[in-house]
Amino acid sequence: MAPRIDFFHDYGQLVKPLRDIETYLRGCGLDSRLLHLIKMRASQINGCAYCLDMHSKDARAEGESEQRLYALDAWRETPFYSERERAALAWTEAVTRVAEGHVPDSVYETVRSQFSEAELMSLTLAITNINAWNRLAIALRSVPGSYQPMRSNPPK
């Protein structure tokens, strides 16, 4: 398997705005493990193997459990996620599938009960950014498997 275009290395300046958003997100105050969960969930929905590989490795490096990663696709059916995480995952699904339901008010009300307005803006930005990365990686056939996390934090 070979990429159609290695956009990250060959066209780094074109994706710099997306990388800048990632830099913002790392300092926005949202828990990095939550961000990895929502990035993985959107990537599951979109079928992006490259991003799933990347964010599962990053999540593990930050202490995320295998159990929660394996059950993520069925998060509604498990007791493994907090109410805040559940709200974020529901928001992720609604925003990622925007064409299917136009992000229902009920999902907004749930996420708004768990996140401040500023946090919700950052969460929504994270979701839209991973959807952009997914579309680039899928369309240009980024090859999963070689990504290694840049840092490793011990579990909290």
Protein backbone atom coordinates (compact mmCIF):
# COMPACT_ATOMS: atom_id res chain seq x y z
CA MET A 1 0.00 0.00 0.00
CA ALA A 2 1.38 3.38 -0.96
CA PRO A 3 -0.02 6.85 -0.31
CA ARG A 4 -1.40 8.78 -3.23
CA ILE A 5 0.22 11.94 -1.88
CA ASP A 6 2.30 12.29 1.28
CA PHE A 7 0.56 15.52 2.19
CA PHE A 8 2.02 15.85 5.67
CA HIS A 9 5.63 15.81 4.47
CA ASP A 10 5.38 17.04 0.89
CA TYR A 11 2.76 19.73 1.49
CA GLY A 12 3.36 20.64 5.11
CA GLN A 13 2.66 24.33 4.57
CA LEU A 14 -0.78 23.54 3.19
CA VAL A 15 -1.75 21.61 6.32
CA LYS A 16 -0.09 24.07 8.71
CA PRO A 17 -3.45 25.63 9.67
CA LEU A 18 -4.70 22.19 10.74
CA ARG A 19 -1.50 21.63 12.76
CA ASP A 20 -1.93 25.08 14.33
CA ILE A 21 -5.41 24.04 15.48
CA GLU A 22 -3.88 20.93 17.08
CA THR A 23 -1.39 23.16 18.90
CA TYR A 24 -4.27 25.30 20.18
CA LEU A 25 -6.20 22.20 21.29
CA ARG A 26 -3.25 20.89 23.33
CA GLY A 27 -3.43 24.05 25.44
CA CYS A 28 -7.17 24.77 25.45
CA GLY A 29 -7.88 23.09 28.78
CA LEU A 30 -9.75 20.03 27.53
CA ASP A 31 -8.33 16.75 28.80
CA SER A 32 -6.02 15.20 26.21
CA ARG A 33 -7.48 11.74 26.84
CA LEU A 34 -10.95 13.10 26.05
CA LEU A 35 -9.60 14.64 22.86
CA HIS A 36 -8.12 11.28 21.81
CA LEU A 37 -11.46 9.56 22.46
CA ILE A 38 -13.38 12.00 20.30
CA LYS A 39 -10.72 11.84 17.58
CA MET A 40 -10.91 8.06 17.62
CA ARG A 41 -14.72 8.03 17.56
CA ALA A 42 -14.89 10.37 14.56
CA SER A 43 -12.20 8.32 12.84
CA GLN A 44 -14.20 5.13 13.49
CA ILE A 45 -17.27 6.69 11.90
CA ASN A 46 -15.25 7.92 8.92
CA GLY A 47 -13.25 4.70 8.56
CA CYS A 48 -9.86 6.41 8.82
CA ALA A 49 -7.30 3.72 9.63
CA TYR A 50 -4.39 6.16 9.75
CA CYS A 51 -6.02 8.39 12.38
CA LEU A 52 -7.25 5.40 14.38
CA ASP A 53 -3.70 4.05 14.49
CA MET A 54 -2.32 7.45 15.51
CA HIS A 55 -4.83 8.33 18.20
CA SER A 56 -5.00 4.86 19.73
CA LYS A 57 -1.22 4.97 20.16
CA ASP A 58 -1.34 8.50 21.58
CA ALA A 59 -4.17 7.55 23.95
CA ARG A 60 -2.27 4.50 25.21
CA ALA A 61 0.85 6.61 25.70
CA GLU A 62 -1.21 8.91 27.93
CA GLY A 63 -2.52 6.04 30.03
CA GLU A 64 -5.83 5.26 28.37
CA SER A 65 -7.03 1.72 29.06
CA GLU A 66 -7.32 -0.96 26.41
CA GLN A 67 -10.82 -1.70 27.66
CA ARG A 68 -12.07 1.82 26.94
CA LEU A 69 -10.37 1.93 23.54
CA TYR A 70 -11.81 -1.44 22.49
CA ALA A 71 -15.32 -0.52 23.64
CA LEU A 72 -15.37 2.96 22.14
CA ASP A 73 -17.53 1.98 19.17
CA ALA A 74 -20.15 0.75 21.67
CA TRP A 75 -19.72 3.49 24.29
CA ARG A 76 -23.47 3.74 24.94
CA GLU A 77 -23.55 0.08 25.99
CA THR A 78 -20.78 0.24 28.61
CA PRO A 79 -20.20 1.83 32.03
CA PHE A 80 -16.62 2.82 31.11
CA TYR A 81 -17.18 6.50 30.26
CA SER A 82 -18.12 9.47 32.43
CA GLU A 83 -21.20 11.61 31.75
CA ARG A 84 -18.91 14.33 30.38
CA GLU A 85 -17.24 11.85 28.02
CA ARG A 86 -20.62 10.49 26.94
CA ALA A 87 -21.81 14.00 26.13
CA ALA A 88 -18.63 14.66 24.13
CA LEU A 89 -18.97 11.37 22.25
CA ALA A 90 -22.62 12.07 21.39
CA TRP A 91 -21.61 15.55 20.18
CA THR A 92 -18.78 14.00 18.15
CA GLU A 93 -21.16 11.62 16.43
CA ALA A 94 -23.72 14.33 15.68
CA VAL A 95 -21.15 16.80 14.31
CA THR A 96 -19.36 14.09 12.30
CA ARG A 97 -22.68 12.90 10.85
CA VAL A 98 -24.01 16.43 10.34
CA ALA A 99 -25.69 15.52 7.04
CA GLU A 100 -27.78 12.84 8.76
CA GLY A 101 -29.38 14.84 11.55
CA HIS A 102 -28.09 18.42 11.50
CA VAL A 103 -26.89 18.12 15.13
CA PRO A 104 -30.12 17.78 17.12
CA ASP A 105 -31.03 20.19 19.91
CA SER A 106 -31.21 17.29 22.37
CA VAL A 107 -27.54 16.46 21.75
CA TYR A 108 -26.62 20.13 22.11
CA GLU A 109 -28.50 20.39 25.41
CA THR A 110 -26.69 17.31 26.74
CA VAL A 111 -23.22 18.51 25.76
CA ARG A 112 -23.96 22.04 26.96
CA SER A 113 -24.83 20.68 30.41
CA GLN A 114 -21.31 19.21 30.66
CA PHE A 115 -19.18 21.86 28.93
CA SER A 116 -18.88 25.62 29.20
CA GLU A 117 -19.46 27.63 26.05
CA ALA A 118 -15.69 28.08 25.56
CA GLU A 119 -15.08 24.36 26.12
CA LEU A 120 -17.84 23.51 23.65
CA MET A 121 -16.22 25.74 21.05
CA SER A 122 -12.89 23.96 21.57
CA LEU A 123 -14.56 20.55 21.50
CA THR A 124 -16.39 21.40 18.27
CA LEU A 125 -13.16 22.69 16.75
CA ALA A 126 -11.43 19.41 17.68
CA ILE A 127 -14.22 17.42 16.02
CA THR A 128 -14.18 19.47 12.83
CA ASN A 129 -10.39 19.29 12.68
CA ILE A 130 -10.24 15.50 13.02
CA ASN A 131 -12.90 15.25 10.33
CA ALA A 132 -10.66 17.34 8.05
CA TRP A 133 -7.64 15.14 8.86
CA ASN A 134 -9.75 12.01 8.22
CA ARG A 135 -10.78 13.26 4.81
CA LEU A 136 -7.21 14.09 3.84
CA ALA A 137 -5.86 10.77 5.10
CA ILE A 138 -8.59 8.71 3.43
CA ALA A 139 -8.61 10.56 0.10
CA LEU A 140 -4.83 10.57 -0.19
CA ARG A 141 -4.44 7.05 1.27
CA SER A 142 -2.17 7.73 4.20
CA VAL A 143 -0.65 4.41 5.25
CA PRO A 144 -1.23 3.43 8.90
CA GLY A 145 1.22 1.61 11.09
CA SER A 146 4.41 3.62 11.31
CA TYR A 147 3.22 6.46 13.57
CA GLN A 148 4.89 6.66 16.98
CA PRO A 149 3.70 8.95 19.79
CA MET A 150 5.92 11.97 20.35
CA ARG A 151 5.61 11.85 24.12
CA SER A 152 4.51 9.44 26.74
CA ASN A 153 2.90 10.45 30.01
CA PRO A 154 2.42 8.03 32.88
CA PRO A 155 -1.18 7.09 33.70
CA LYS A 156 -2.97 9.47 36.08
